[in-house]
Amino acid sequence: MKSTSVSIAEGKKGFSRLIEDAVKKREDIIVTKRGKPVAVLVPYDEYRHSKRMEGYRKIMEARSAFLKAAISSDEVFKESRKQLEKRH
Protein backbone atom coordinates (compact mmCIF):
# COMPACT_ATOMS: atom_id res chain seq x y z
CA MET A 1 0.00 0.00 0.00
CA LYS A 2 1.28 3.45 -0.89
CA SER A 3 1.88 6.00 1.85
CA THR A 4 2.13 9.79 1.85
CA SER A 5 3.49 12.09 4.56
CA VAL A 6 1.95 15.47 5.38
CA SER A 7 2.50 17.95 8.17
CA ILE A 8 -0.35 18.82 10.49
CA ALA A 9 -0.52 22.28 8.86
CA GLU A 10 -0.79 20.73 5.36
CA GLY A 11 -3.35 18.27 6.66
CA LYS A 12 -5.55 21.05 8.01
CA LYS A 13 -5.63 22.74 4.61
CA GLY A 14 -6.46 19.62 2.63
CA PHE A 15 -8.21 17.30 5.09
CA SER A 16 -11.02 16.34 2.69
CA ARG A 17 -8.51 15.53 -0.06
CA LEU A 18 -6.43 13.43 2.35
CA ILE A 19 -9.48 11.42 3.38
CA GLU A 20 -10.38 10.91 -0.27
CA ASP A 21 -6.83 9.77 -1.08
CA ALA A 22 -6.86 7.34 1.83
CA VAL A 23 -10.16 5.82 0.71
CA LYS A 24 -10.09 5.96 -3.08
CA LYS A 25 -6.35 5.58 -3.70
CA ARG A 26 -5.90 3.13 -0.81
CA GLU A 27 -3.13 5.29 0.68
CA ASP A 28 -1.83 5.48 4.22
CA ILE A 29 -1.47 9.16 5.10
CA ILE A 30 1.25 9.71 7.70
CA VAL A 31 0.69 12.93 9.62
CA THR A 32 3.84 14.56 10.98
CA LYS A 33 4.61 17.21 13.57
CA ARG A 34 8.00 18.88 13.26
CA GLY A 35 9.00 16.12 10.85
CA LYS A 36 8.12 13.24 13.19
CA PRO A 37 5.19 10.87 12.56
CA VAL A 38 2.35 11.38 15.07
CA ALA A 39 -0.70 9.77 13.42
CA VAL A 40 -1.84 7.82 10.38
CA LEU A 41 -5.01 8.07 8.31
CA VAL A 42 -5.92 4.69 6.86
CA PRO A 43 -9.01 3.40 5.05
CA TYR A 44 -11.57 2.21 7.60
CA ASP A 45 -11.65 -1.37 6.32
CA GLU A 46 -7.87 -1.56 6.74
CA TYR A 47 -8.25 -0.30 10.32
CA ARG A 48 -10.92 -2.92 11.08
CA HIS A 49 -8.78 -5.66 9.54
CA SER A 50 -5.83 -4.56 11.65
CA LYS A 51 -7.94 -4.61 14.83
CA ARG A 52 -9.34 -8.04 13.96
CA MET A 53 -5.85 -9.44 13.42
CA GLU A 54 -4.68 -7.91 16.71
CA GLY A 55 -7.61 -9.56 18.50
CA TYR A 56 -6.85 -12.90 16.86
CA ARG A 57 -3.20 -12.62 17.93
CA LYS A 58 -4.25 -11.95 21.54
CA ILE A 59 -6.57 -14.96 21.49
CA MET A 60 -3.77 -17.17 20.23
CA GLU A 61 -1.41 -15.88 22.95
CA ALA A 62 -4.03 -16.60 25.62
CA ARG A 63 -4.67 -20.05 24.14
CA SER A 64 -0.96 -20.81 24.30
CA ALA A 65 -0.77 -19.67 27.94
CA PHE A 66 -3.77 -21.84 28.86
CA LEU A 67 -2.23 -24.86 27.14
CA LYS A 68 1.07 -24.36 28.99
CA ALA A 69 -0.82 -24.12 32.29
CA ALA A 70 -2.89 -27.23 31.39
CA ILE A 71 -6.15 -25.28 31.67
CA SER A 72 -8.97 -26.58 29.47
CA SER A 73 -11.33 -24.43 27.44
CA ASP A 74 -14.19 -25.78 29.56
CA GLU A 75 -12.48 -24.46 32.72
CA VAL A 76 -11.96 -21.06 31.08
CA PHE A 77 -15.62 -20.95 30.07
CA LYS A 78 -16.88 -21.90 33.52
CA GLU A 79 -14.64 -19.36 35.29
CA SER A 80 -15.60 -16.63 32.81
CA ARG A 81 -19.28 -17.40 33.36
CA LYS A 82 -18.80 -17.26 37.14
CA GLN A 83 -17.04 -13.88 36.92
CA LEU A 84 -19.79 -12.45 34.71
CA GLU A 85 -22.49 -13.63 37.12
CA LYS A 86 -20.69 -11.89 40.01
CA ARG A 87 -20.91 -8.57 38.16
CA HIS A 88 -24.69 -8.71 37.77
C-alpha atoms as a PDB file:
ATOM      1  CA  MET A   1       0.000   0.000   0.000  1.00  0.00           C
ATOM      2  CA  LYS A   2       1.281   3.447  -0.886  1.00  0.00           C
ATOM      3  CA  SER A   3       1.879   6.004   1.855  1.00  0.00           C
ATOM      4  CA  THR A   4       2.131   9.787   1.849  1.00  0.00           C
ATOM      5  CA  SER A   5       3.488  12.088   4.560  1.00  0.00           C
ATOM      6  CA  VAL A   6       1.951  15.465   5.376  1.00  0.00           C
ATOM      7  CA  SER A   7       2.503  17.947   8.165  1.00  0.00           C
ATOM      8  CA  ILE A   8      -0.351  18.819  10.489  1.00  0.00           C
ATOM      9  CA  ALA A   9      -0.518  22.276   8.859  1.00  0.00           C
ATOM     10  CA  GLU A  10      -0.789  20.733   5.365  1.00  0.00           C
ATOM     11  CA  GLY A  11      -3.352  18.273   6.656  1.00  0.00           C
ATOM     12  CA  LYS A  12      -5.550  21.052   8.012  1.00  0.00           C
ATOM     13  CA  LYS A  13      -5.633  22.740   4.605  1.00  0.00           C
ATOM     14  CA  GLY A  14      -6.464  19.618   2.629  1.00  0.00           C
ATOM     15  CA  PHE A  15      -8.206  17.304   5.086  1.00  0.00           C
ATOM     16  CA  SER A  16     -11.018  16.339   2.687  1.00  0.00           C
ATOM     17  CA  ARG A  17      -8.510  15.529  -0.062  1.00  0.00           C
ATOM     18  CA  LEU A  18      -6.433  13.434   2.353  1.00  0.00           C
ATOM     19  CA  ILE A  19      -9.479  11.416   3.378  1.00  0.00           C
ATOM     20  CA  GLU A  20     -10.375  10.912  -0.273  1.00  0.00           C
ATOM     21  CA  ASP A  21      -6.828   9.771  -1.078  1.00  0.00           C
ATOM     22  CA  ALA A  22      -6.862   7.338   1.829  1.00  0.00           C
ATOM     23  CA  VAL A  23     -10.161   5.823   0.705  1.00  0.00           C
ATOM     24  CA  LYS A  24     -10.087   5.956  -3.081  1.00  0.00           C
ATOM     25  CA  LYS A  25      -6.348   5.576  -3.700  1.00  0.00           C
ATOM     26  CA  ARG A  26      -5.898   3.127  -0.807  1.00  0.00           C
ATOM     27  CA  GLU A  27      -3.130   5.288   0.682  1.00  0.00           C
ATOM     28  CA  ASP A  28      -1.835   5.485   4.223  1.00  0.00           C
ATOM     29  CA  ILE A  29      -1.474   9.159   5.102  1.00  0.00           C
ATOM     30  CA  ILE A  30       1.252   9.710   7.698  1.00  0.00           C
ATOM     31  CA  VAL A  31       0.693  12.934   9.624  1.00  0.00           C
ATOM     32  CA  THR A  32       3.838  14.563  10.982  1.00  0.00           C
ATOM     33  CA  LYS A  33       4.611  17.214  13.566  1.00  0.00           C
ATOM     34  CA  ARG A  34       8.001  18.882  13.258  1.00  0.00           C
ATOM     35  CA  GLY A  35       8.999  16.120  10.852  1.00  0.00           C
ATOM     36  CA  LYS A  36       8.121  13.240  13.186  1.00  0.00           C
ATOM     37  CA  PRO A  37       5.186  10.867  12.562  1.00  0.00           C
ATOM     38  CA  VAL A  38       2.352  11.385  15.072  1.00  0.00           C
ATOM     39  CA  ALA A  39      -0.699   9.775  13.418  1.00  0.00           C
ATOM     40  CA  VAL A  40      -1.841   7.820  10.380  1.00  0.00           C
ATOM     41  CA  LEU A  41      -5.013   8.070   8.309  1.00  0.00           C
ATOM     42  CA  VAL A  42      -5.917   4.687   6.863  1.00  0.00           C
ATOM     43  CA  PRO A  43      -9.012   3.400   5.052  1.00  0.00           C
ATOM     44  CA  TYR A  44     -11.570   2.208   7.603  1.00  0.00           C
ATOM     45  CA  ASP A  45     -11.646  -1.369   6.317  1.00  0.00           C
ATOM     46  CA  GLU A  46      -7.869  -1.562   6.741  1.00  0.00           C
ATOM     47  CA  TYR A  47      -8.246  -0.303  10.316  1.00  0.00           C
ATOM     48  CA  ARG A  48     -10.915  -2.922  11.075  1.00  0.00           C
ATOM     49  CA  HIS A  49      -8.784  -5.662   9.537  1.00  0.00           C
ATOM     50  CA  SER A  50      -5.831  -4.564  11.655  1.00  0.00           C
ATOM     51  CA  LYS A  51      -7.944  -4.606  14.833  1.00  0.00           C
ATOM     52  CA  ARG A  52      -9.344  -8.038  13.959  1.00  0.00           C
ATOM     53  CA  MET A  53      -5.846  -9.444  13.419  1.00  0.00           C
ATOM     54  CA  GLU A  54      -4.685  -7.906  16.712  1.00  0.00           C
ATOM     55  CA  GLY A  55      -7.609  -9.560  18.500  1.00  0.00           C
ATOM     56  CA  TYR A  56      -6.849 -12.897  16.858  1.00  0.00           C
ATOM     57  CA  ARG A  57      -3.197 -12.619  17.932  1.00  0.00           C
ATOM     58  CA  LYS A  58      -4.251 -11.951  21.541  1.00  0.00           C
ATOM     59  CA  ILE A  59      -6.574 -14.960  21.493  1.00  0.00           C
ATOM     60  CA  MET A  60      -3.765 -17.171  20.228  1.00  0.00           C
ATOM     61  CA  GLU A  61      -1.411 -15.883  22.947  1.00  0.00           C
ATOM     62  CA  ALA A  62      -4.028 -16.602  25.616  1.00  0.00           C
ATOM     63  CA  ARG A  63      -4.666 -20.052  24.141  1.00  0.00           C
ATOM     64  CA  SER A  64      -0.959 -20.813  24.296  1.00  0.00           C
ATOM     65  CA  ALA A  65      -0.772 -19.670  27.938  1.00  0.00           C
ATOM     66  CA  PHE A  66      -3.767 -21.845  28.860  1.00  0.00           C
ATOM     67  CA  LEU A  67      -2.231 -24.863  27.136  1.00  0.00           C
ATOM     68  CA  LYS A  68       1.074 -24.360  28.986  1.00  0.00           C
ATOM     69  CA  ALA A  69      -0.820 -24.125  32.286  1.00  0.00           C
ATOM     70  CA  ALA A  70      -2.889 -27.230  31.387  1.00  0.00           C
ATOM     71  CA  ILE A  71      -6.153 -25.280  31.666  1.00  0.00           C
ATOM     72  CA  SER A  72      -8.973 -26.583  29.472  1.00  0.00           C
ATOM     73  CA  SER A  73     -11.325 -24.426  27.438  1.00  0.00           C
ATOM     74  CA  ASP A  74     -14.186 -25.778  29.561  1.00  0.00           C
ATOM     75  CA  GLU A  75     -12.475 -24.464  32.715  1.00  0.00           C
ATOM     76  CA  VAL A  76     -11.957 -21.064  31.085  1.00  0.00           C
ATOM     77  CA  PHE A  77     -15.624 -20.949  30.067  1.00  0.00           C
ATOM     78  CA  LYS A  78     -16.877 -21.899  33.522  1.00  0.00           C
ATOM     79  CA  GLU A  79     -14.644 -19.357  35.285  1.00  0.00           C
ATOM     80  CA  SER A  80     -15.601 -16.630  32.810  1.00  0.00           C
ATOM     81  CA  ARG A  81     -19.277 -17.401  33.363  1.00  0.00           C
ATOM     82  CA  LYS A  82     -18.804 -17.264  37.143  1.00  0.00           C
ATOM     83  CA  GLN A  83     -17.036 -13.882  36.917  1.00  0.00           C
ATOM     84  CA  LEU A  84     -19.788 -12.450  34.706  1.00  0.00           C
ATOM     85  CA  GLU A  85     -22.490 -13.631  37.119  1.00  0.00           C
ATOM     86  CA  LYS A  86     -20.687 -11.894  40.010  1.00  0.00           C
ATOM     87  CA  ARG A  87     -20.908  -8.570  38.164  1.00  0.00           C
ATOM     88  CA  HIS A  88     -24.685  -8.714  37.772  1.00  0.00           C
END
